[in-house]
Amino acid sequence: MSKRKSHSVSITQHKLTVGPIPPPEQLARYNAIVPGFAERIISRWEE
């Protein structure tokens, strides 16, 4: 009888952005949740 060993693998991804305006991909996700939210963020930093 053979014994099987179990292994687990964990993968973690970290993203770091610097600056007042999120990257385009994140702005698109915000817009998907709240339409027009990306424009509100950008307008805020143009003042």
N, C-alpha and C. Protein backbone atom coordinates (compact mmCIF):
# COMPACT_ATOMS: atom_id res chain seq x y z
N MET A 1 0.84 -1.17 0.00
CA MET A 1 0.00 0.00 0.00
C MET A 1 0.90 1.25 0.00
N SER A 2 0.65 2.18 -0.92
CA SER A 2 1.47 3.39 -0.98
C SER A 2 0.80 4.52 -0.20
N LYS A 3 1.63 5.34 0.39
CA LYS A 3 1.12 6.49 1.15
C LYS A 3 1.24 7.74 0.28
N ARG A 4 0.21 8.53 0.26
CA ARG A 4 0.23 9.78 -0.49
C ARG A 4 0.45 10.94 0.47
N LYS A 5 1.31 11.83 0.06
CA LYS A 5 1.55 13.03 0.85
C LYS A 5 0.76 14.18 0.25
N SER A 6 0.21 14.96 1.11
CA SER A 6 -0.58 16.11 0.68
C SER A 6 0.25 17.39 0.87
N HIS A 7 0.21 18.25 -0.13
CA HIS A 7 0.91 19.52 -0.06
C HIS A 7 -0.07 20.64 -0.40
N SER A 8 0.13 21.76 0.22
CA SER A 8 -0.68 22.91 -0.15
C SER A 8 0.24 24.04 -0.59
N VAL A 9 -0.27 24.83 -1.51
CA VAL A 9 0.49 25.95 -2.04
C VAL A 9 -0.36 27.20 -1.87
N SER A 10 0.26 28.25 -1.42
CA SER A 10 -0.43 29.52 -1.25
C SER A 10 0.27 30.57 -2.11
N ILE A 11 -0.53 31.29 -2.89
CA ILE A 11 0.02 32.35 -3.75
C ILE A 11 -0.63 33.66 -3.32
N THR A 12 0.19 34.64 -3.07
CA THR A 12 -0.29 35.95 -2.67
C THR A 12 0.24 37.00 -3.64
N GLN A 13 -0.63 37.90 -4.02
CA GLN A 13 -0.22 38.98 -4.92
C GLN A 13 -0.49 40.31 -4.22
N HIS A 14 0.49 41.18 -4.24
CA HIS A 14 0.35 42.51 -3.67
C HIS A 14 0.57 43.54 -4.77
N LYS A 15 -0.26 44.57 -4.76
CA LYS A 15 -0.09 45.67 -5.70
C LYS A 15 0.03 46.95 -4.90
N LEU A 16 0.94 47.78 -5.30
CA LEU A 16 1.13 49.06 -4.63
C LEU A 16 1.08 50.16 -5.67
N THR A 17 0.22 51.12 -5.44
CA THR A 17 0.18 52.28 -6.32
C THR A 17 0.50 53.51 -5.48
N VAL A 18 1.14 54.46 -6.11
CA VAL A 18 1.52 55.68 -5.42
C VAL A 18 0.95 56.86 -6.19
N GLY A 19 0.27 57.73 -5.49
CA GLY A 19 -0.29 58.91 -6.12
C GLY A 19 -1.75 59.07 -5.75
N PRO A 20 -2.30 60.21 -6.06
CA PRO A 20 -3.68 60.49 -5.65
C PRO A 20 -4.74 59.82 -6.53
N ILE A 21 -4.38 59.44 -7.74
CA ILE A 21 -5.37 58.86 -8.66
C ILE A 21 -5.06 57.38 -8.87
N PRO A 22 -6.06 56.51 -8.66
CA PRO A 22 -5.85 55.08 -8.87
C PRO A 22 -5.57 54.76 -10.34
N PRO A 23 -4.96 53.60 -10.60
CA PRO A 23 -4.70 53.21 -11.99
C PRO A 23 -6.02 52.99 -12.76
N PRO A 24 -5.96 53.04 -14.09
CA PRO A 24 -7.17 52.91 -14.92
C PRO A 24 -8.00 51.66 -14.63
N GLU A 25 -7.35 50.53 -14.38
CA GLU A 25 -8.09 49.30 -14.13
C GLU A 25 -8.95 49.44 -12.87
N GLN A 26 -8.41 50.07 -11.87
CA GLN A 26 -9.14 50.25 -10.62
C GLN A 26 -10.28 51.26 -10.80
N LEU A 27 -10.02 52.32 -11.56
CA LEU A 27 -11.08 53.29 -11.85
C LEU A 27 -12.24 52.62 -12.58
N ALA A 28 -11.93 51.72 -13.50
CA ALA A 28 -12.98 51.00 -14.23
C ALA A 28 -13.82 50.15 -13.28
N ARG A 29 -13.17 49.51 -12.32
CA ARG A 29 -13.91 48.70 -11.34
C ARG A 29 -14.80 49.59 -10.48
N TYR A 30 -14.29 50.76 -10.08
CA TYR A 30 -15.12 51.69 -9.31
C TYR A 30 -16.34 52.09 -10.12
N ASN A 31 -16.15 52.40 -11.41
CA ASN A 31 -17.26 52.79 -12.27
C ASN A 31 -18.28 51.68 -12.44
N ALA A 32 -17.83 50.44 -12.41
CA ALA A 32 -18.76 49.31 -12.53
C ALA A 32 -19.69 49.25 -11.32
N ILE A 33 -19.19 49.68 -10.18
CA ILE A 33 -19.99 49.65 -8.95
C ILE A 33 -20.84 50.91 -8.82
N VAL A 34 -20.21 52.06 -9.03
CA VAL A 34 -20.90 53.35 -8.94
C VAL A 34 -20.61 54.13 -10.22
N PRO A 35 -21.54 54.12 -11.18
CA PRO A 35 -21.32 54.83 -12.44
C PRO A 35 -20.95 56.30 -12.21
N GLY A 36 -19.90 56.75 -12.90
CA GLY A 36 -19.45 58.13 -12.79
C GLY A 36 -18.47 58.38 -11.65
N PHE A 37 -18.19 57.37 -10.86
CA PHE A 37 -17.32 57.57 -9.70
C PHE A 37 -15.89 57.91 -10.09
N ALA A 38 -15.39 57.31 -11.16
CA ALA A 38 -14.02 57.61 -11.61
C ALA A 38 -13.89 59.09 -11.97
N GLU A 39 -14.88 59.63 -12.65
CA GLU A 39 -14.86 61.05 -13.01
C GLU A 39 -14.86 61.92 -11.76
N ARG A 40 -15.60 61.51 -10.75
CA ARG A 40 -15.62 62.27 -9.50
C ARG A 40 -14.25 62.27 -8.84
N ILE A 41 -13.56 61.13 -8.88
CA ILE A 41 -12.22 61.04 -8.29
C ILE A 41 -11.26 61.96 -9.04
N ILE A 42 -11.26 61.88 -10.36
CA ILE A 42 -10.35 62.70 -11.17
C ILE A 42 -10.65 64.18 -11.00
N SER A 43 -11.93 64.55 -11.01
CA SER A 43 -12.31 65.95 -10.84
C SER A 43 -11.84 66.49 -9.50
N ARG A 44 -11.89 65.67 -8.50
CA ARG A 44 -11.46 66.08 -7.16
C ARG A 44 -9.99 66.51 -7.16
N TRP A 45 -9.16 65.80 -7.91
CA TRP A 45 -7.73 66.09 -7.93
C TRP A 45 -7.35 67.15 -8.96
N GLU A 46 -8.29 67.56 -9.80
CA GLU A 46 -8.02 68.63 -10.76
C GLU A 46 -8.26 70.01 -10.15
N GLU A 47 -8.93 70.05 -9.02
CA GLU A 47 -9.26 71.33 -8.37
C GLU A 47 -8.04 72.05 -7.88
